[in-house]
Structure formats: structure tokens, C-alpha cells
Protein backbone atom coordinates (compact mmCIF):
# COMPACT_ATOMS: atom_id res chain seq x y z
CA MET A 1 0.00 0.00 0.00
CA GLN A 2 2.82 2.42 0.88
CA GLU A 3 4.44 1.80 -2.53
CA ILE A 4 1.16 2.46 -4.32
CA LEU A 5 0.63 5.72 -2.43
CA TYR A 6 4.18 6.82 -3.22
CA THR A 7 3.66 6.08 -6.92
CA ILE A 8 0.43 8.07 -6.91
CA SER A 9 2.19 10.97 -5.16
CA VAL A 10 4.78 11.33 -7.94
CA TRP A 11 2.21 11.13 -10.74
CA ALA A 12 -0.85 12.92 -9.33
CA LEU A 13 0.66 16.38 -8.79
CA PRO A 14 2.20 16.67 -12.29
CA ALA A 15 -1.04 15.38 -13.83
CA LEU A 16 -3.22 17.85 -11.92
CA ILE A 17 -0.97 20.78 -12.85
CA ALA A 18 -0.88 19.70 -16.49
CA ILE A 19 -4.64 19.34 -16.79
CA THR A 20 -5.47 22.48 -14.78
CA LEU A 21 -3.20 24.76 -16.78
CA HIS A 22 -4.26 23.13 -20.05
CA GLU A 23 -7.91 23.95 -19.44
CA ALA A 24 -7.24 27.38 -17.93
CA ALA A 25 -5.13 28.28 -20.98
CA HIS A 26 -8.07 27.66 -23.31
CA GLY A 27 -10.28 30.00 -21.29
CA TRP A 28 -7.60 32.66 -20.83
CA VAL A 29 -6.80 32.89 -24.54
CA ALA A 30 -10.52 32.95 -25.38
CA SER A 31 -11.01 35.85 -22.94
CA LYS A 32 -8.21 37.78 -24.64
CA LEU A 33 -9.79 37.19 -28.06
CA GLY A 34 -13.29 38.38 -27.22
CA ASP A 35 -15.14 35.57 -25.43
CA ASP A 36 -15.25 35.85 -21.64
CA THR A 37 -17.59 32.87 -21.11
CA ALA A 38 -14.98 30.75 -19.32
CA LEU A 39 -13.76 33.76 -17.32
CA ARG A 40 -17.28 34.55 -16.07
CA LEU A 41 -17.80 30.90 -15.08
CA GLY A 42 -14.57 30.79 -13.08
CA ARG A 43 -12.82 28.39 -15.45
CA VAL A 44 -9.75 30.62 -15.94
CA SER A 45 -8.42 29.38 -12.63
CA PHE A 46 -5.45 27.57 -11.10
CA ASN A 47 -7.89 25.73 -8.82
CA PRO A 48 -7.91 22.12 -10.09
CA THR A 49 -11.38 21.42 -8.65
CA ARG A 50 -12.89 23.77 -11.24
CA HIS A 51 -11.61 21.57 -14.08
CA ILE A 52 -11.60 18.05 -12.66
CA ASP A 53 -13.95 15.34 -13.83
CA PRO A 54 -13.62 12.66 -11.09
CA PHE A 55 -13.53 9.70 -13.48
CA GLY A 56 -11.94 11.25 -16.56
CA THR A 57 -9.30 13.32 -14.77
CA ILE A 58 -8.30 11.05 -11.89
CA ILE A 59 -9.47 7.43 -12.07
CA LEU A 60 -9.02 6.72 -15.78
CA PRO A 61 -5.56 8.32 -16.24
CA LEU A 62 -4.14 6.69 -13.09
CA LEU A 63 -5.56 3.32 -14.11
CA LEU A 64 -3.99 3.54 -17.56
CA LEU A 65 -0.67 4.80 -16.19
CA PHE A 66 -0.46 1.86 -13.80
CA LEU A 67 -1.52 -0.74 -16.36
CA SER A 68 0.86 0.59 -19.02
CA GLY A 69 3.83 1.28 -16.76
CA GLY A 70 3.55 5.01 -17.41
CA ARG A 71 3.45 4.69 -21.22
CA MET A 72 -0.23 5.36 -21.81
CA LEU A 73 -2.21 8.37 -20.64
CA PHE A 74 -5.77 9.06 -21.64
CA GLY A 75 -8.25 11.16 -19.78
CA TYR A 76 -10.34 14.27 -19.91
CA ALA A 77 -11.36 17.24 -17.82
CA LYS A 78 -14.57 19.22 -17.84
CA PRO A 79 -14.43 21.06 -21.17
CA VAL A 80 -13.90 24.79 -20.98
CA PRO A 81 -16.92 26.54 -22.54
CA VAL A 82 -15.98 28.73 -25.49
CA ALA A 83 -18.54 30.62 -27.59
CA PHE A 84 -16.58 30.67 -30.83
CA ARG A 85 -19.00 33.11 -32.46
CA ARG A 86 -18.08 35.71 -29.85
CA LEU A 87 -14.42 35.61 -30.82
CA ARG A 88 -13.28 38.59 -32.86
CA ARG A 89 -12.12 36.45 -35.77
CA PRO A 90 -13.81 33.10 -35.10
CA ARG A 91 -11.97 30.94 -37.63
CA ARG A 92 -8.49 32.19 -36.75
CA ASP A 93 -9.15 32.60 -33.03
CA MET A 94 -10.59 29.07 -32.73
CA VAL A 95 -7.15 27.79 -33.79
CA LEU A 96 -5.39 29.94 -31.17
CA VAL A 97 -7.79 28.92 -28.39
CA ALA A 98 -7.44 25.22 -29.24
CA ALA A 99 -3.65 25.39 -29.53
CA ALA A 100 -3.31 27.15 -26.17
CA GLY A 101 -3.81 23.93 -24.18
CA PRO A 102 -1.12 21.82 -25.85
CA GLY A 103 1.09 24.93 -26.03
CA ILE A 104 1.03 25.43 -22.26
CA ASN A 105 1.75 21.72 -21.75
CA ILE A 106 4.92 21.98 -23.84
CA ALA A 107 5.89 25.10 -21.88
CA ILE A 108 5.40 23.26 -18.57
CA ALA A 109 7.53 20.35 -19.87
CA VAL A 110 10.35 22.77 -20.73
CA VAL A 111 10.16 24.44 -17.30
CA ALA A 112 10.16 21.04 -15.56
CA ALA A 113 13.25 20.03 -17.55
CA LEU A 114 15.01 23.26 -16.57
CA LEU A 115 14.19 22.57 -12.91
CA LEU A 116 15.51 18.99 -12.90
CA PRO A 117 18.87 20.03 -11.35
CA VAL A 118 16.94 21.29 -8.30
CA GLY A 119 16.25 17.71 -7.31
CA LEU A 120 19.98 17.07 -7.04
CA LEU A 121 20.34 19.93 -4.58
CA ILE A 122 17.77 18.48 -2.18
CA PRO A 123 19.19 15.77 0.07
CA GLY A 124 17.79 12.30 0.64
CA GLN A 125 14.45 10.92 -0.41
CA SER A 126 12.94 14.40 -0.71
CA GLY A 127 15.29 15.09 -3.61
CA VAL A 128 14.35 11.79 -5.24
CA TRP A 129 10.64 12.63 -4.86
CA VAL A 130 11.12 16.09 -6.41
CA THR A 131 13.14 14.62 -9.29
CA LEU A 132 10.50 11.98 -10.02
CA ASN A 133 7.76 14.63 -10.01
CA LEU A 134 9.72 16.76 -12.47
CA GLN A 135 10.52 13.80 -14.73
CA ASN A 136 6.89 12.73 -14.72
CA ALA A 137 5.79 16.32 -15.38
CA ILE A 138 7.90 16.36 -18.55
CA TRP A 139 6.42 13.08 -19.78
CA ILE A 140 2.79 13.80 -18.84
CA ASN A 141 2.79 17.25 -20.41
CA VAL A 142 4.42 16.12 -23.66
CA LEU A 143 2.07 13.14 -23.83
CA LEU A 144 -0.99 15.34 -23.27
CA ALA A 145 0.18 17.85 -25.87
CA VAL A 146 0.77 15.20 -28.54
CA PHE A 147 -2.45 13.33 -27.78
CA ASN A 148 -4.56 16.47 -27.80
CA MET A 149 -3.09 17.53 -31.14
CA LEU A 150 -4.46 14.47 -32.93
CA PRO A 151 -6.60 15.96 -35.75
CA ILE A 152 -9.86 14.52 -34.49
CA PRO A 153 -12.58 16.85 -33.12
CA PRO A 154 -13.27 17.56 -30.29
CA LEU A 155 -9.56 17.18 -29.49
CA ASP A 156 -7.61 20.41 -29.80
CA GLY A 157 -5.83 19.17 -32.91
CA GLY A 158 -9.19 18.57 -34.57
CA ARG A 159 -10.27 22.15 -33.96
CA VAL A 160 -6.92 23.45 -35.16
CA ALA A 161 -7.32 21.40 -38.33
CA VAL A 162 -10.89 22.66 -38.88
CA GLY A 163 -9.65 26.24 -38.56
CA LEU A 164 -6.68 25.79 -40.87
CA LEU A 165 -8.18 23.60 -43.59
CA PRO A 166 -10.17 25.04 -46.49
CA SER A 167 -13.91 25.08 -45.75
CA VAL A 168 -14.56 22.23 -48.18
CA LEU A 169 -12.41 20.00 -45.93
CA GLY A 170 -12.91 21.72 -42.59
CA ARG A 171 -16.70 21.44 -42.49
CA PRO A 172 -16.85 17.64 -42.96
CA LEU A 173 -14.14 17.25 -40.30
CA ALA A 174 -16.10 19.48 -37.90
CA ARG A 175 -19.16 17.25 -38.35
CA LEU A 176 -17.20 14.38 -36.81
CA GLU A 177 -17.13 16.12 -33.42
CA PRO A 178 -20.13 14.26 -31.91
CA PHE A 179 -18.40 10.98 -32.79
CA GLY A 180 -14.84 12.04 -32.02
CA PHE A 181 -14.68 10.43 -28.58
CA PHE A 182 -15.76 7.07 -30.01
CA ILE A 183 -13.22 7.38 -32.84
CA VAL A 184 -10.44 7.99 -30.29
CA ILE A 185 -11.57 5.04 -28.14
CA GLY A 186 -11.62 2.86 -31.24
CA LEU A 187 -8.10 3.90 -32.26
CA ILE A 188 -6.64 3.44 -28.78
CA PHE A 189 -8.40 0.32 -27.54
CA LEU A 190 -10.51 -1.38 -30.20
CA LEU A 191 -8.02 -1.54 -33.09
CA PRO A 192 -5.19 -3.01 -30.96
CA PHE A 193 -7.63 -5.60 -29.58
CA ILE A 194 -8.83 -6.57 -33.06
CA GLY A 195 -5.24 -6.67 -34.28
CA ALA A 196 -4.20 -8.95 -31.43
CA GLU A 197 -7.07 -11.31 -32.21
CA LEU A 198 -5.98 -11.45 -35.85
CA GLY A 199 -2.30 -11.77 -35.06
CA PHE A 200 -1.36 -8.24 -36.11
CA LYS A 201 0.20 -5.47 -34.07
CA LEU A 202 -2.01 -2.41 -34.42
CA ASP A 203 -0.48 -0.17 -31.77
CA VAL A 204 -2.09 3.01 -33.10
CA PHE A 205 -1.60 4.87 -29.82
CA GLY A 206 2.08 3.98 -29.85
CA TRP A 207 2.56 5.07 -33.46
CA LEU A 208 0.59 8.31 -33.24
CA VAL A 209 1.27 9.41 -29.66
CA ILE A 210 3.96 7.48 -27.75
CA GLU A 211 6.70 7.57 -30.39
CA PRO A 212 6.27 11.30 -31.24
CA ALA A 213 6.04 12.13 -27.52
CA GLU A 214 9.27 10.27 -26.80
CA SER A 215 11.03 12.16 -29.62
CA ILE A 216 9.77 15.52 -28.34
CA MET A 217 10.79 14.68 -24.78
CA ARG A 218 14.31 13.76 -25.91
CA PHE A 219 14.50 17.06 -27.80
CA ILE A 220 13.37 19.06 -24.74
CA LEU A 221 15.90 17.30 -22.50
CA LYS A 222 18.66 17.98 -25.02
CA LEU A 223 17.54 21.59 -25.51
CA THR A 224 17.54 22.31 -21.78
CA GLY A 225 20.78 20.42 -21.11
CA ALA A 226 18.99 17.98 -18.84
CA ARG A 227 20.64 14.95 -20.48
């Protein structure tokens, strides 16, 4: 039990910070671009309880992290409400609002990498705990950024794609939003299961998320001199 609690302690704090700032960033950028809906509802906040969905933010991600040895992370928070029609330039600003979440996650990963030497300055197990939190913060934030940038609405990458693509392509993609969650579940869980039953390796999550995330993390560590 003590080992489980320790493992949770080095994953939970980075995950909560990553998710909280991700959601707050969406609302903050929207407020700067003309829509104060999230601001008025208190969603531009560093208080995690304003963004947490008990199952999607806590139970599901921790379960997947444990089962995958820290290689898989999937979860969701309460979506930040954005009235895109209230934005000054809806098509362009939708892209900026959507990109703000993954953007802040990459920024947090860079800051965590820069702070890694701090763990070496703290003696004993406290230093180890700080180092593990920082290492996990890098991985969680990069993983969230890459996953959320998959071009499938309602993920951030889907909304970025809708905003950047010509209307003839963007509109059909936008119509997928009500089914986006089921598409993601199918890619992550159903296809690998079907592949395993047929004797094929269909690790879509690994190809689309894990491998790019690992490359980005190595780049951040090299950029910051942390490795």
C-alpha cells in the first residue's frame, strides 16, 4: 500500500498541474480574443477542482498509467466553454484557443526540464521525490500535448485542423465532433484488440502518440541540457 501511495504521489501532482493549466489556458486565450464565457464561469483558474472530472481526470488516467507502466495516458477534464461566435475572428481565433492547451503543456515540460537540477540539490528521499515529479511532469505534459493535437474533433488538434483547412475539408471534419470520442476510443483500444485477435500489431496509440512524444521529450531534454 505504501508503494502504491508513493507512486500516486509522484504522478498525481504533475497530472493535476498539467490538466489544470491546459484547461485554464483555453479559457484565458478565449477571454483575450473576445469571449469571456470561461472567465465569467470561473474556469480561468489555477484551482484544479474547477476543471476536474472525477472519473476522466483522476481514475481513468491513473488506471492507464499503472496498467501501461507510465506509457499510456488518456483522460479528460470538464471542457472549458468557449462561444466561438463571440471571438473577434472566429476561424483564426478558434485555432489559437485550441492550440493554447497543448502549447502550455509543452511550456510546462520545458520548465520542468530546466528545474531537474533542483532535485539534485535536495538531500535524501525528498530530492528523489522532487526529481520523479519533475521527470513525470515532462512526460505527462508532452504526452498530453501530442495526444490532444491528434486531428480529431473535439480534441484540440481537430479544432486546429478545422480552422486551418479550407472550408470544403474543414466542415466535414467538424461534423465528426459528436463521434470524435468514439473514434479515439476505437483507435486506442478497439483496433489493438482486433489486431491482437488477428495476429497483427495495431499499436495506433504507440505510433501516433507514444513515439512522437518520446522524440519531443528527448528534444526538450537535449535543448535544456537535462541529459
